[in-house]
Amino acid sequence: MHTIVVIIHVVVSLALVSIVLLQHGKGAGIGAAFGGSSQTVF
């Protein structure tokens, strides 16, 4: 059971990383604007 949970965790983590990388390529301008605004807030 533990092995199944670990495998699911790894698969979901890799999927999230790939989604973030794909979205970074498409909306770089939005990410830069959000990054700039977050720096001013903090």
C-alpha atoms as a PDB file:
ATOM      1  CA  MET A   1       0.000   0.000   0.000  1.00  0.00           C
ATOM      2  CA  HIS A   2       2.821   2.391   0.866  1.00  0.00           C
ATOM      3  CA  THR A   3       4.477   1.757  -2.496  1.00  0.00           C
ATOM      4  CA  ILE A   4       1.272   2.626  -4.374  1.00  0.00           C
ATOM      5  CA  VAL A   5       0.953   5.925  -2.499  1.00  0.00           C
ATOM      6  CA  VAL A   6       4.579   6.824  -3.259  1.00  0.00           C
ATOM      7  CA  ILE A   7       4.155   6.013  -6.961  1.00  0.00           C
ATOM      8  CA  ILE A   8       0.993   8.149  -7.181  1.00  0.00           C
ATOM      9  CA  HIS A   9       2.777  10.976  -5.361  1.00  0.00           C
ATOM     10  CA  VAL A  10       5.713  10.920  -7.788  1.00  0.00           C
ATOM     11  CA  VAL A  11       3.442  10.817 -10.855  1.00  0.00           C
ATOM     12  CA  VAL A  12       1.332  13.743  -9.627  1.00  0.00           C
ATOM     13  CA  SER A  13       4.448  15.751  -8.747  1.00  0.00           C
ATOM     14  CA  LEU A  14       5.967  15.241 -12.193  1.00  0.00           C
ATOM     15  CA  ALA A  15       2.658  16.184 -13.823  1.00  0.00           C
ATOM     16  CA  LEU A  16       2.459  19.419 -11.822  1.00  0.00           C
ATOM     17  CA  VAL A  17       6.055  20.345 -12.672  1.00  0.00           C
ATOM     18  CA  SER A  18       5.465  19.745 -16.381  1.00  0.00           C
ATOM     19  CA  ILE A  19       2.243  21.806 -16.320  1.00  0.00           C
ATOM     20  CA  VAL A  20       4.014  24.711 -14.629  1.00  0.00           C
ATOM     21  CA  LEU A  21       6.884  24.591 -17.131  1.00  0.00           C
ATOM     22  CA  LEU A  22       4.482  24.522 -20.090  1.00  0.00           C
ATOM     23  CA  GLN A  23       2.484  27.457 -18.729  1.00  0.00           C
ATOM     24  CA  HIS A  24       5.706  29.399 -18.077  1.00  0.00           C
ATOM     25  CA  GLY A  25       6.587  29.109 -21.746  1.00  0.00           C
ATOM     26  CA  LYS A  26       3.150  30.296 -22.902  1.00  0.00           C
ATOM     27  CA  GLY A  27       2.522  33.168 -20.467  1.00  0.00           C
ATOM     28  CA  ALA A  28       5.936  34.581 -19.653  1.00  0.00           C
ATOM     29  CA  GLY A  29       4.580  38.139 -19.649  1.00  0.00           C
ATOM     30  CA  ILE A  30       1.902  37.284 -17.102  1.00  0.00           C
ATOM     31  CA  GLY A  31       4.465  35.538 -14.910  1.00  0.00           C
ATOM     32  CA  ALA A  32       6.810  38.520 -15.056  1.00  0.00           C
ATOM     33  CA  ALA A  33       4.003  40.918 -14.117  1.00  0.00           C
ATOM     34  CA  PHE A  34       2.938  38.678 -11.231  1.00  0.00           C
ATOM     35  CA  GLY A  35       6.541  38.303 -10.061  1.00  0.00           C
ATOM     36  CA  GLY A  36       7.050  42.054 -10.090  1.00  0.00           C
ATOM     37  CA  SER A  37       3.864  42.698  -8.139  1.00  0.00           C
ATOM     38  CA  SER A  38       4.702  40.048  -5.556  1.00  0.00           C
ATOM     39  CA  GLN A  39       8.113  41.647  -4.957  1.00  0.00           C
ATOM     40  CA  THR A  40       6.514  45.021  -4.268  1.00  0.00           C
ATOM     41  CA  VAL A  41       4.024  43.455  -1.851  1.00  0.00           C
ATOM     42  CA  PHE A  42       6.711  41.634   0.108  1.00  0.00           C
END
